[in-house]
Amino acid sequence: ASPDSFEDDYDDVSLSESDRGHKGPGQDEDQQSQRSKGGTGVYILAGKPGSPHPSPKGTEPKGGRGRSSRDTSVATLYGLVVLSFIAWGLLFALALVKQMEIMAELKLLRANYSENEANVRQELSETQREQARMRSRMQSYYEELQDITVLLCRSVQDNRKCWAGWRVFEQSCYSFSTKAMSWADANRTCADQGAHLVFINSELEQ
């Protein structure tokens, strides 16, 4: 209802009240009889008549727009769920591919490590064998050097000569005097010749 209709209603009510003061005694008696019977006065509010062509908005059901918005929200939610599953699937596929690449790299590294380890062990064994051969050669060289040293010493000793009139016995030179001298004179004579006086006790040395 418009504000004009409410003003008209108030005018009608005021008119009814003023008219009630001018009613005849018969009407007053009828009203009193109705009040005594428990009746009440009825006031009729008059207004402007409604439009014969109601607006489309008033006839449109209220639940239609809410239902369409709810369907849109559900469809959007389903779309987001599907996109999330697709994203998780892509991430899982990428993770699998990366894992396969890492496993291949690890396999290659293990193969290279095994090959390098075998090569190092082979080189180490060859080095140990070479060291053993060098030690054997050094030992043989040392023994040969010792033999050569002994031969040189023997050749030098064999080539050493005694003075004229002296005799060689066990790599020593002996001189025998035919003159009879005292111990002091004989010791002095040997010292003058760079020798020393000795006692001969064994038969071989004599």
N, C-alpha and C. Protein backbone atom coordinates (compact mmCIF):
# COMPACT_ATOMS: atom_id res chain seq x y z
N ALA A 1 0.84 -1.19 0.00
CA ALA A 1 0.00 0.00 0.00
C ALA A 1 0.86 1.23 0.00
N SER A 2 0.43 2.31 -0.68
CA SER A 2 1.19 3.55 -0.75
C SER A 2 0.83 4.46 0.40
N PRO A 3 1.66 5.47 0.70
CA PRO A 3 1.34 6.42 1.77
C PRO A 3 0.03 7.15 1.54
N ASP A 4 -0.36 7.41 0.27
CA ASP A 4 -1.63 8.09 -0.01
C ASP A 4 -2.80 7.26 0.46
N SER A 5 -2.71 5.93 0.30
CA SER A 5 -3.80 5.07 0.74
C SER A 5 -3.97 5.12 2.24
N PHE A 6 -2.82 5.18 2.98
CA PHE A 6 -2.91 5.27 4.45
C PHE A 6 -3.56 6.59 4.86
N GLU A 7 -3.26 7.70 4.18
CA GLU A 7 -3.90 8.97 4.49
C GLU A 7 -5.40 8.90 4.25
N ASP A 8 -5.81 8.25 3.14
CA ASP A 8 -7.24 8.10 2.86
C ASP A 8 -7.92 7.29 3.93
N ASP A 9 -7.21 6.26 4.41
CA ASP A 9 -7.78 5.42 5.47
C ASP A 9 -8.00 6.23 6.72
N TYR A 10 -7.01 7.02 7.08
CA TYR A 10 -7.17 7.86 8.28
C TYR A 10 -8.33 8.84 8.11
N ASP A 11 -8.54 9.40 6.91
CA ASP A 11 -9.67 10.31 6.67
C ASP A 11 -10.98 9.59 6.85
N ASP A 12 -11.06 8.35 6.34
CA ASP A 12 -12.29 7.58 6.48
C ASP A 12 -12.60 7.29 7.92
N VAL A 13 -11.57 6.99 8.69
CA VAL A 13 -11.78 6.67 10.11
C VAL A 13 -12.27 7.89 10.85
N SER A 14 -11.66 9.06 10.54
CA SER A 14 -12.09 10.29 11.22
C SER A 14 -13.52 10.65 10.84
N LEU A 15 -13.86 10.42 9.57
CA LEU A 15 -15.23 10.69 9.15
C LEU A 15 -16.21 9.78 9.85
N SER A 16 -15.84 8.53 9.99
CA SER A 16 -16.74 7.59 10.66
C SER A 16 -16.95 7.98 12.10
N GLU A 17 -15.89 8.49 12.74
CA GLU A 17 -16.01 8.91 14.12
C GLU A 17 -16.92 10.13 14.23
N SER A 18 -16.78 11.11 13.30
CA SER A 18 -17.62 12.31 13.33
C SER A 18 -19.06 12.00 12.99
N ASP A 19 -19.24 11.07 12.07
CA ASP A 19 -20.59 10.67 11.70
C ASP A 19 -21.28 9.98 12.85
N ARG A 20 -20.47 9.27 13.67
CA ARG A 20 -21.08 8.55 14.77
C ARG A 20 -21.69 9.52 15.78
N GLY A 21 -21.15 10.75 15.88
CA GLY A 21 -21.72 11.73 16.80
C GLY A 21 -23.05 12.29 16.31
N HIS A 22 -23.31 12.23 15.02
CA HIS A 22 -24.54 12.78 14.43
C HIS A 22 -25.59 11.72 14.18
N LYS A 23 -25.35 10.49 14.64
CA LYS A 23 -26.32 9.43 14.40
C LYS A 23 -27.54 9.64 15.28
N GLY A 24 -28.58 9.14 14.85
CA GLY A 24 -29.83 9.29 15.59
C GLY A 24 -29.89 8.40 16.80
N PRO A 25 -30.94 8.61 17.59
CA PRO A 25 -31.04 7.79 18.79
C PRO A 25 -31.26 6.35 18.49
N GLY A 26 -31.86 6.05 17.38
CA GLY A 26 -32.05 4.64 17.06
C GLY A 26 -30.75 3.93 16.82
N GLN A 27 -29.92 4.59 16.15
CA GLN A 27 -28.61 3.98 15.87
C GLN A 27 -27.82 3.82 17.15
N ASP A 28 -27.92 4.82 18.04
CA ASP A 28 -27.20 4.69 19.32
C ASP A 28 -27.73 3.53 20.11
N GLU A 29 -29.06 3.34 20.06
CA GLU A 29 -29.62 2.20 20.79
C GLU A 29 -29.14 0.89 20.20
N ASP A 30 -29.07 0.84 18.88
CA ASP A 30 -28.57 -0.40 18.25
C ASP A 30 -27.14 -0.69 18.65
N GLN A 31 -26.32 0.34 18.71
CA GLN A 31 -24.91 0.13 19.10
C GLN A 31 -24.81 -0.29 20.54
N GLN A 32 -25.66 0.32 21.40
CA GLN A 32 -25.61 -0.07 22.81
C GLN A 32 -26.06 -1.50 22.98
N SER A 33 -27.11 -1.86 22.21
CA SER A 33 -27.56 -3.26 22.30
C SER A 33 -26.46 -4.21 21.82
N GLN A 34 -25.73 -3.85 20.83
CA GLN A 34 -24.63 -4.70 20.35
C GLN A 34 -23.51 -4.78 21.37
N ARG A 35 -23.22 -3.63 22.04
CA ARG A 35 -22.18 -3.65 23.07
C ARG A 35 -22.60 -4.50 24.25
N SER A 36 -23.95 -4.38 24.60
CA SER A 36 -24.41 -5.22 25.71
C SER A 36 -24.32 -6.69 25.35
N LYS A 37 -24.48 -7.02 24.13
CA LYS A 37 -24.35 -8.41 23.69
C LYS A 37 -22.89 -8.84 23.52
N GLY A 38 -21.97 -7.96 23.77
CA GLY A 38 -20.55 -8.33 23.63
C GLY A 38 -19.98 -8.05 22.29
N GLY A 39 -20.68 -7.36 21.48
CA GLY A 39 -20.16 -7.05 20.16
C GLY A 39 -19.25 -5.87 20.17
N THR A 40 -18.52 -5.70 19.18
CA THR A 40 -17.57 -4.59 19.03
C THR A 40 -17.83 -3.93 17.71
N GLY A 41 -17.45 -2.67 17.63
CA GLY A 41 -17.60 -1.96 16.38
C GLY A 41 -16.58 -2.38 15.37
N VAL A 42 -16.94 -2.46 14.16
CA VAL A 42 -16.06 -2.88 13.07
C VAL A 42 -15.76 -1.67 12.24
N TYR A 43 -14.50 -1.40 12.05
CA TYR A 43 -14.06 -0.28 11.23
C TYR A 43 -13.49 -0.84 9.95
N ILE A 44 -13.89 -0.33 8.86
CA ILE A 44 -13.41 -0.79 7.55
C ILE A 44 -12.48 0.26 7.01
N LEU A 45 -11.23 -0.16 6.74
CA LEU A 45 -10.23 0.75 6.18
C LEU A 45 -10.31 0.67 4.67
N ALA A 46 -10.57 1.77 4.09
CA ALA A 46 -10.66 1.82 2.63
C ALA A 46 -9.36 2.30 2.06
N GLY A 47 -8.93 1.73 0.97
CA GLY A 47 -7.69 2.13 0.31
C GLY A 47 -7.85 2.11 -1.18
N LYS A 48 -6.74 2.46 -1.84
CA LYS A 48 -6.76 2.44 -3.30
C LYS A 48 -6.75 1.02 -3.79
N PRO A 49 -7.45 0.77 -4.87
CA PRO A 49 -7.44 -0.60 -5.42
C PRO A 49 -6.07 -0.96 -5.98
N GLY A 50 -5.76 -2.25 -5.91
CA GLY A 50 -4.46 -2.71 -6.42
C GLY A 50 -4.40 -2.66 -7.92
N SER A 51 -3.19 -2.72 -8.45
CA SER A 51 -2.99 -2.67 -9.89
C SER A 51 -3.45 -3.96 -10.51
N PRO A 52 -4.16 -3.89 -11.61
CA PRO A 52 -4.62 -5.13 -12.26
C PRO A 52 -3.49 -5.92 -12.89
N HIS A 53 -2.35 -5.31 -13.13
CA HIS A 53 -1.20 -6.01 -13.74
C HIS A 53 -0.06 -6.02 -12.74
N PRO A 54 0.10 -7.02 -11.95
CA PRO A 54 1.20 -7.06 -10.96
C PRO A 54 2.55 -7.15 -11.65
N SER A 55 3.52 -6.62 -10.94
CA SER A 55 4.89 -6.63 -11.50
C SER A 55 5.44 -8.04 -11.55
N PRO A 56 6.34 -8.32 -12.50
CA PRO A 56 6.92 -9.69 -12.59
C PRO A 56 7.74 -10.05 -11.37
N LYS A 57 8.30 -9.03 -10.71
CA LYS A 57 9.14 -9.34 -9.55
C LYS A 57 8.33 -9.94 -8.43
N GLY A 58 7.07 -9.47 -8.29
CA GLY A 58 6.25 -10.03 -7.21
C GLY A 58 5.84 -11.44 -7.49
N THR A 59 5.66 -11.81 -8.74
CA THR A 59 5.24 -13.16 -9.08
C THR A 59 6.39 -14.13 -9.18
N GLU A 60 7.65 -13.65 -9.23
CA GLU A 60 8.81 -14.56 -9.36
C GLU A 60 9.02 -15.32 -8.06
N PRO A 61 9.19 -16.60 -8.11
CA PRO A 61 9.41 -17.38 -6.87
C PRO A 61 10.75 -17.00 -6.25
N LYS A 62 10.72 -16.93 -4.91
CA LYS A 62 11.92 -16.52 -4.19
C LYS A 62 13.03 -17.57 -4.25
N GLY A 63 12.67 -18.83 -4.31
CA GLY A 63 13.69 -19.89 -4.27
C GLY A 63 14.41 -20.10 -5.58
N GLY A 64 13.98 -19.53 -6.68
CA GLY A 64 14.62 -19.78 -7.97
C GLY A 64 16.02 -19.23 -8.04
N ARG A 65 16.18 -17.99 -7.63
CA ARG A 65 17.51 -17.38 -7.69
C ARG A 65 18.47 -18.05 -6.72
N GLY A 66 18.04 -18.39 -5.52
CA GLY A 66 18.91 -19.08 -4.57
C GLY A 66 19.34 -20.45 -5.06
N ARG A 67 18.38 -21.14 -5.72
CA ARG A 67 18.73 -22.46 -6.24
C ARG A 67 19.76 -22.36 -7.34
N SER A 68 19.63 -21.39 -8.22
CA SER A 68 20.60 -21.24 -9.31
C SER A 68 21.98 -20.87 -8.78
N SER A 69 22.02 -19.98 -7.76
CA SER A 69 23.33 -19.63 -7.18
C SER A 69 23.95 -20.82 -6.47
N ARG A 70 23.11 -21.62 -5.82
CA ARG A 70 23.65 -22.81 -5.15
C ARG A 70 24.19 -23.81 -6.17
N ASP A 71 23.47 -24.00 -7.27
CA ASP A 71 23.97 -24.90 -8.32
C ASP A 71 25.29 -24.40 -8.89
N THR A 72 25.39 -23.09 -9.05
CA THR A 72 26.65 -22.52 -9.55
C THR A 72 27.80 -22.76 -8.58
N SER A 73 27.52 -22.60 -7.29
CA SER A 73 28.57 -22.84 -6.28
C SER A 73 29.00 -24.29 -6.27
N VAL A 74 28.04 -25.21 -6.36
CA VAL A 74 28.37 -26.64 -6.38
C VAL A 74 29.19 -26.98 -7.62
N ALA A 75 28.81 -26.43 -8.76
CA ALA A 75 29.57 -26.69 -9.99
C ALA A 75 30.99 -26.14 -9.88
N THR A 76 31.11 -24.96 -9.29
CA THR A 76 32.45 -24.38 -9.10
C THR A 76 33.29 -25.24 -8.16
N LEU A 77 32.67 -25.74 -7.09
CA LEU A 77 33.38 -26.60 -6.15
C LEU A 77 33.85 -27.89 -6.82
N TYR A 78 32.96 -28.50 -7.61
CA TYR A 78 33.35 -29.71 -8.35
C TYR A 78 34.50 -29.42 -9.31
N GLY A 79 34.43 -28.27 -9.97
CA GLY A 79 35.52 -27.91 -10.88
C GLY A 79 36.84 -27.75 -10.16
N LEU A 80 36.80 -27.11 -8.98
CA LEU A 80 38.04 -26.95 -8.20
C LEU A 80 38.58 -28.29 -7.73
N VAL A 81 37.68 -29.19 -7.32
CA VAL A 81 38.12 -30.52 -6.89
C VAL A 81 38.78 -31.26 -8.05
N VAL A 82 38.16 -31.19 -9.22
CA VAL A 82 38.74 -31.86 -10.40
C VAL A 82 40.10 -31.27 -10.75
N LEU A 83 40.21 -29.95 -10.70
CA LEU A 83 41.50 -29.31 -10.99
C LEU A 83 42.55 -29.69 -9.97
N SER A 84 42.14 -29.79 -8.70
CA SER A 84 43.11 -30.20 -7.67
C SER A 84 43.59 -31.63 -7.90
N PHE A 85 42.67 -32.53 -8.28
CA PHE A 85 43.08 -33.91 -8.58
C PHE A 85 44.03 -33.95 -9.78
N ILE A 86 43.74 -33.15 -10.78
CA ILE A 86 44.62 -33.11 -11.95
C ILE A 86 46.00 -32.59 -11.56
N ALA A 87 46.01 -31.54 -10.71
CA ALA A 87 47.30 -30.99 -10.27
C ALA A 87 48.09 -32.02 -9.46
N TRP A 88 47.40 -32.72 -8.54
CA TRP A 88 48.08 -33.77 -7.76
C TRP A 88 48.59 -34.88 -8.67
N GLY A 89 47.80 -35.23 -9.69
CA GLY A 89 48.25 -36.26 -10.61
C GLY A 89 49.51 -35.84 -11.37
N LEU A 90 49.52 -34.58 -11.81
CA LEU A 90 50.72 -34.08 -12.50
C LEU A 90 51.93 -34.06 -11.58
N LEU A 91 51.71 -33.62 -10.34
CA LEU A 91 52.83 -33.60 -9.39
C LEU A 91 53.33 -35.01 -9.11
N PHE A 92 52.41 -35.95 -8.98
CA PHE A 92 52.82 -37.34 -8.74
C PHE A 92 53.60 -37.90 -9.92
N ALA A 93 53.14 -37.57 -11.13
CA ALA A 93 53.86 -38.04 -12.32
C ALA A 93 55.26 -37.43 -12.39
N LEU A 94 55.35 -36.14 -12.10
CA LEU A 94 56.67 -35.50 -12.10
C LEU A 94 57.58 -36.10 -11.04
N ALA A 95 57.00 -36.41 -9.87
CA ALA A 95 57.80 -37.04 -8.80
C ALA A 95 58.31 -38.41 -9.23
N LEU A 96 57.45 -39.18 -9.91
CA LEU A 96 57.88 -40.49 -10.39
C LEU A 96 59.00 -40.37 -11.43
N VAL A 97 58.84 -39.42 -12.34
CA VAL A 97 59.88 -39.23 -13.36
C VAL A 97 61.20 -38.82 -12.72
N LYS A 98 61.12 -37.90 -11.75
CA LYS A 98 62.34 -37.45 -11.06
C LYS A 98 62.97 -38.60 -10.29
N GLN A 99 62.15 -39.42 -9.66
CA GLN A 99 62.69 -40.56 -8.92
C GLN A 99 63.38 -41.54 -9.86
N MET A 100 62.78 -41.78 -11.02
CA MET A 100 63.41 -42.68 -11.99
C MET A 100 64.74 -42.11 -12.46
N GLU A 101 64.80 -40.80 -12.69
CA GLU A 101 66.08 -40.19 -13.09
C GLU A 101 67.13 -40.32 -12.00
N ILE A 102 66.71 -40.10 -10.75
CA ILE A 102 67.66 -40.21 -9.64
C ILE A 102 68.15 -41.65 -9.50
N MET A 103 67.24 -42.62 -9.65
CA MET A 103 67.64 -44.02 -9.55
C MET A 103 68.62 -44.39 -10.67
N ALA A 104 68.38 -43.86 -11.87
CA ALA A 104 69.31 -44.14 -12.97
C ALA A 104 70.68 -43.53 -12.69
N GLU A 105 70.70 -42.31 -12.16
CA GLU A 105 71.98 -41.69 -11.82
C GLU A 105 72.70 -42.46 -10.73
N LEU A 106 71.96 -42.92 -9.72
CA LEU A 106 72.57 -43.71 -8.66
C LEU A 106 73.14 -45.02 -9.21
N LYS A 107 72.41 -45.65 -10.12
CA LYS A 107 72.89 -46.89 -10.72
C LYS A 107 74.18 -46.65 -11.50
N LEU A 108 74.21 -45.54 -12.25
CA LEU A 108 75.42 -45.21 -13.00
C LEU A 108 76.58 -44.91 -12.07
N LEU A 109 76.32 -44.18 -11.00
CA LEU A 109 77.38 -43.87 -10.04
C LEU A 109 77.91 -45.14 -9.37
N ARG A 110 77.00 -46.06 -9.04
CA ARG A 110 77.45 -47.32 -8.43
C ARG A 110 78.31 -48.13 -9.41
N ALA A 111 77.89 -48.14 -10.67
CA ALA A 111 78.68 -48.86 -11.67
C ALA A 111 80.07 -48.24 -11.82
N ASN A 112 80.11 -46.90 -11.89
CA ASN A 112 81.41 -46.23 -11.98
C ASN A 112 82.26 -46.46 -10.74
N TYR A 113 81.60 -46.46 -9.58
CA TYR A 113 82.34 -46.69 -8.34
C TYR A 113 82.92 -48.10 -8.31
N SER A 114 82.11 -49.08 -8.73
CA SER A 114 82.61 -50.46 -8.75
C SER A 114 83.77 -50.61 -9.73
N GLU A 115 83.64 -49.97 -10.89
CA GLU A 115 84.72 -50.04 -11.88
C GLU A 115 85.99 -49.37 -11.36
N ASN A 116 85.82 -48.19 -10.76
CA ASN A 116 86.99 -47.49 -10.21
C ASN A 116 87.62 -48.28 -9.06
N GLU A 117 86.78 -48.89 -8.24
CA GLU A 117 87.31 -49.68 -7.13
C GLU A 117 88.11 -50.87 -7.65
N ALA A 118 87.58 -51.54 -8.69
CA ALA A 118 88.31 -52.66 -9.27
C ALA A 118 89.64 -52.21 -9.87
N ASN A 119 89.63 -51.06 -10.55
CA ASN A 119 90.88 -50.54 -11.12
C ASN A 119 91.89 -50.19 -10.03
N VAL A 120 91.41 -49.58 -8.95
CA VAL A 120 92.31 -49.21 -7.86
C VAL A 120 92.90 -50.45 -7.21
N ARG A 121 92.06 -51.46 -7.00
CA ARG A 121 92.58 -52.69 -6.40
C ARG A 121 93.60 -53.36 -7.31
N GLN A 122 93.33 -53.36 -8.61
CA GLN A 122 94.28 -53.95 -9.54
C GLN A 122 95.60 -53.19 -9.53
N GLU A 123 95.52 -51.85 -9.55
CA GLU A 123 96.75 -51.06 -9.49
C GLU A 123 97.49 -51.27 -8.18
N LEU A 124 96.75 -51.41 -7.09
CA LEU A 124 97.39 -51.64 -5.79
C LEU A 124 98.11 -52.98 -5.76
N SER A 125 97.45 -54.01 -6.31
CA SER A 125 98.10 -55.32 -6.35
C SER A 125 99.35 -55.29 -7.24
N GLU A 126 99.25 -54.59 -8.38
CA GLU A 126 100.42 -54.47 -9.24
C GLU A 126 101.55 -53.71 -8.55
N THR A 127 101.19 -52.67 -7.81
CA THR A 127 102.22 -51.92 -7.07
C THR A 127 102.87 -52.78 -6.00
N GLN A 128 102.06 -53.57 -5.31
CA GLN A 128 102.63 -54.46 -4.29
C GLN A 128 103.56 -55.50 -4.92
N ARG A 129 103.15 -56.05 -6.06
CA ARG A 129 104.03 -57.01 -6.74
C ARG A 129 105.31 -56.34 -7.20
N GLU A 130 105.20 -55.12 -7.70
CA GLU A 130 106.40 -54.41 -8.14
C GLU A 130 107.32 -54.12 -6.96
N GLN A 131 106.75 -53.76 -5.81
CA GLN A 131 107.57 -53.55 -4.62
C GLN A 131 108.27 -54.84 -4.19
N ALA A 132 107.54 -55.96 -4.28
CA ALA A 132 108.16 -57.23 -3.93
C ALA A 132 109.32 -57.55 -4.87
N ARG A 133 109.11 -57.30 -6.18
CA ARG A 133 110.20 -57.55 -7.13
C ARG A 133 111.39 -56.63 -6.86
N MET A 134 111.11 -55.36 -6.53
CA MET A 134 112.21 -54.44 -6.24
C MET A 134 112.97 -54.85 -4.98
N ARG A 135 112.23 -55.31 -3.96
CA ARG A 135 112.92 -55.79 -2.76
C ARG A 135 113.79 -57.00 -3.05
N SER A 136 113.25 -57.90 -3.89
CA SER A 136 114.05 -59.08 -4.24
C SER A 136 115.31 -58.67 -5.02
N ARG A 137 115.14 -57.73 -5.94
CA ARG A 137 116.31 -57.26 -6.69
C ARG A 137 117.32 -56.56 -5.78
N MET A 138 116.82 -55.73 -4.87
CA MET A 138 117.73 -55.04 -3.96
C MET A 138 118.48 -56.03 -3.07
N GLN A 139 117.77 -57.09 -2.65
CA GLN A 139 118.44 -58.11 -1.83
C GLN A 139 119.52 -58.83 -2.63
N SER A 140 119.18 -59.15 -3.87
CA SER A 140 120.19 -59.82 -4.71
C SER A 140 121.37 -58.89 -5.00
N TYR A 141 121.06 -57.59 -5.23
CA TYR A 141 122.14 -56.64 -5.45
C TYR A 141 123.02 -56.50 -4.21
N TYR A 142 122.39 -56.50 -3.06
CA TYR A 142 123.16 -56.38 -1.82
C TYR A 142 124.06 -57.59 -1.61
N GLU A 143 123.51 -58.76 -1.89
CA GLU A 143 124.33 -59.97 -1.75
C GLU A 143 125.49 -59.96 -2.75
N GLU A 144 125.18 -59.55 -3.98
CA GLU A 144 126.27 -59.46 -4.96
C GLU A 144 127.32 -58.44 -4.53
N LEU A 145 126.87 -57.33 -3.95
CA LEU A 145 127.82 -56.32 -3.50
C LEU A 145 128.70 -56.87 -2.37
N GLN A 146 128.08 -57.63 -1.48
CA GLN A 146 128.87 -58.24 -0.41
C GLN A 146 129.90 -59.21 -0.97
N ASP A 147 129.47 -60.02 -1.93
CA ASP A 147 130.42 -60.96 -2.54
C ASP A 147 131.57 -60.21 -3.23
N ILE A 148 131.22 -59.13 -3.92
CA ILE A 148 132.27 -58.34 -4.59
C ILE A 148 133.21 -57.73 -3.57
N THR A 149 132.66 -57.26 -2.44
CA THR A 149 133.51 -56.67 -1.39
C THR A 149 134.46 -57.70 -0.82
N VAL A 150 133.95 -58.91 -0.59
CA VAL A 150 134.82 -59.97 -0.06
C VAL A 150 135.92 -60.30 -1.04
N LEU A 151 135.55 -60.39 -2.32
CA LEU A 151 136.57 -60.70 -3.33
C LEU A 151 137.61 -59.59 -3.41
N LEU A 152 137.16 -58.33 -3.32
CA LEU A 152 138.12 -57.23 -3.36
C LEU A 152 139.06 -57.27 -2.16
N CYS A 153 138.51 -57.53 -1.00
CA CYS A 153 139.36 -57.60 0.20
C CYS A 153 140.37 -58.74 0.10
N ARG A 154 139.91 -59.85 -0.42
CA ARG A 154 140.83 -60.98 -0.56
C ARG A 154 141.92 -60.67 -1.59
N SER A 155 141.53 -60.05 -2.66
CA SER A 155 142.54 -59.73 -3.69
C SER A 155 143.56 -58.73 -3.16
N VAL A 156 143.08 -57.77 -2.36
CA VAL A 156 144.02 -56.79 -1.79
C VAL A 156 144.96 -57.45 -0.80
N GLN A 157 144.42 -58.36 0.01
CA GLN A 157 145.27 -59.05 0.99
C GLN A 157 146.26 -59.99 0.31
N ASP A 158 145.80 -60.63 -0.75
CA ASP A 158 146.72 -61.54 -1.45
C ASP A 158 147.83 -60.78 -2.17
N ASN A 159 147.51 -59.57 -2.61
CA ASN A 159 148.51 -58.80 -3.34
C ASN A 159 149.49 -58.07 -2.42
N ARG A 160 149.19 -58.04 -1.11
CA ARG A 160 150.11 -57.33 -0.21
C ARG A 160 151.44 -58.11 -0.10
N LYS A 161 152.58 -57.43 -0.22
CA LYS A 161 153.92 -58.08 -0.21
C LYS A 161 154.67 -57.72 1.05
N CYS A 162 155.45 -58.64 1.50
CA CYS A 162 156.31 -58.40 2.67
C CYS A 162 157.70 -57.95 2.19
N TRP A 163 158.45 -57.41 3.11
CA TRP A 163 159.79 -56.97 2.75
C TRP A 163 160.69 -58.17 2.45
N ALA A 164 161.77 -57.84 1.87
CA ALA A 164 162.73 -58.92 1.53
C ALA A 164 163.24 -59.57 2.81
N GLY A 165 163.24 -60.87 2.82
CA GLY A 165 163.68 -61.64 3.97
C GLY A 165 162.57 -61.92 4.97
N TRP A 166 161.41 -61.41 4.71
CA TRP A 166 160.28 -61.66 5.61
C TRP A 166 159.43 -62.79 5.03
N ARG A 167 158.71 -63.50 5.92
CA ARG A 167 157.86 -64.60 5.52
C ARG A 167 156.38 -64.28 5.83
N VAL A 168 155.53 -64.78 4.96
CA VAL A 168 154.08 -64.54 5.11
C VAL A 168 153.45 -65.76 5.76
N PHE A 169 152.67 -65.49 6.80
CA PHE A 169 151.91 -66.54 7.46
C PHE A 169 150.59 -65.94 7.97
N GLU A 170 149.51 -66.48 7.42
CA GLU A 170 148.17 -66.02 7.81
C GLU A 170 148.05 -64.50 7.76
N GLN A 171 148.45 -63.99 6.55
CA GLN A 171 148.31 -62.57 6.26
C GLN A 171 149.16 -61.69 7.19
N SER A 172 150.21 -62.23 7.69
CA SER A 172 151.15 -61.47 8.53
C SER A 172 152.57 -61.76 8.07
N CYS A 173 153.44 -60.79 8.25
CA CYS A 173 154.84 -60.92 7.83
C CYS A 173 155.71 -61.17 9.08
N TYR A 174 156.60 -62.12 8.93
CA TYR A 174 157.49 -62.47 10.05
C TYR A 174 158.96 -62.33 9.57
N SER A 175 159.76 -61.89 10.52
CA SER A 175 161.22 -61.79 10.25
C SER A 175 161.96 -62.48 11.40
N PHE A 176 162.83 -63.34 11.04
CA PHE A 176 163.60 -64.10 12.04
C PHE A 176 165.07 -63.61 12.00
N SER A 177 165.56 -63.26 13.15
CA SER A 177 166.96 -62.77 13.26
C SER A 177 167.87 -63.93 13.72
N THR A 178 169.06 -63.98 13.15
CA THR A 178 170.01 -65.03 13.52
C THR A 178 170.99 -64.59 14.60
N LYS A 179 170.88 -63.29 14.95
CA LYS A 179 171.79 -62.76 15.98
C LYS A 179 171.15 -62.94 17.34
N ALA A 180 171.97 -63.22 18.31
CA ALA A 180 171.50 -63.33 19.69
C ALA A 180 171.51 -61.95 20.31
N MET A 181 170.34 -61.47 20.73
CA MET A 181 170.21 -60.16 21.37
C MET A 181 169.31 -60.28 22.59
N SER A 182 169.43 -59.31 23.40
CA SER A 182 168.56 -59.28 24.58
C SER A 182 167.14 -58.87 24.14
N TRP A 183 166.20 -59.01 25.08
CA TRP A 183 164.80 -58.67 24.76
C TRP A 183 164.64 -57.20 24.44
N ALA A 184 165.33 -56.36 25.15
CA ALA A 184 165.22 -54.92 24.93
C ALA A 184 165.81 -54.53 23.58
N ASP A 185 166.99 -55.15 23.23
CA ASP A 185 167.58 -54.81 21.94
C ASP A 185 166.72 -55.32 20.78
N ALA A 186 166.16 -56.53 20.92
CA ALA A 186 165.32 -57.10 19.87
C ALA A 186 164.04 -56.27 19.70
N ASN A 187 163.44 -55.84 20.80
CA ASN A 187 162.22 -55.03 20.73
C ASN A 187 162.49 -53.69 20.06
N ARG A 188 163.68 -53.12 20.35
CA ARG A 188 164.03 -51.84 19.74
C ARG A 188 164.24 -52.02 18.23
N THR A 189 164.87 -53.13 17.84
CA THR A 189 165.12 -53.37 16.42
C THR A 189 163.81 -53.53 15.66
N CYS A 190 162.84 -54.25 16.24
CA CYS A 190 161.51 -54.43 15.58
C CYS A 190 160.77 -53.10 15.48
N ALA A 191 160.86 -52.28 16.51
CA ALA A 191 160.19 -50.98 16.48
C ALA A 191 160.78 -50.09 15.41
N ASP A 192 162.11 -50.19 15.21
CA ASP A 192 162.73 -49.38 14.16
C ASP A 192 162.24 -49.79 12.77
N GLN A 193 161.85 -51.04 12.58
CA GLN A 193 161.37 -51.53 11.28
C GLN A 193 159.84 -51.45 11.14
N GLY A 194 159.17 -50.85 12.12
CA GLY A 194 157.71 -50.73 12.06
C GLY A 194 157.00 -51.99 12.43
N ALA A 195 157.63 -52.84 13.25
CA ALA A 195 157.02 -54.09 13.68
C ALA A 195 157.10 -54.16 15.19
N HIS A 196 156.65 -55.27 15.71
CA HIS A 196 156.74 -55.46 17.16
C HIS A 196 157.17 -56.89 17.43
N LEU A 197 157.82 -57.06 18.55
CA LEU A 197 158.39 -58.35 18.95
C LEU A 197 157.29 -59.23 19.51
N VAL A 198 157.22 -60.50 19.04
CA VAL A 198 156.18 -61.42 19.48
C VAL A 198 156.82 -62.73 19.90
N PHE A 199 156.02 -63.46 20.71
CA PHE A 199 156.41 -64.81 21.08
C PHE A 199 155.74 -65.77 20.12
N ILE A 200 156.45 -66.78 19.68
CA ILE A 200 155.91 -67.80 18.79
C ILE A 200 155.78 -69.07 19.60
N ASN A 201 154.52 -69.49 19.80
CA ASN A 201 154.28 -70.67 20.63
C ASN A 201 153.83 -71.86 19.81
N SER A 202 153.17 -71.64 18.67
CA SER A 202 152.66 -72.76 17.89
C SER A 202 153.72 -73.24 16.92
N GLU A 203 153.63 -74.52 16.61
CA GLU A 203 154.59 -75.12 15.69
C GLU A 203 154.37 -74.61 14.27
N LEU A 204 153.11 -74.38 13.90
CA LEU A 204 152.85 -73.89 12.55
C LEU A 204 153.42 -72.50 12.35
N GLU A 205 153.28 -71.66 13.35
CA GLU A 205 153.81 -70.31 13.23
C GLU A 205 155.33 -70.29 13.21
N GLN A 206 155.95 -71.31 13.87
CA GLN A 206 157.41 -71.39 13.83
C GLN A 206 157.87 -71.88 12.45
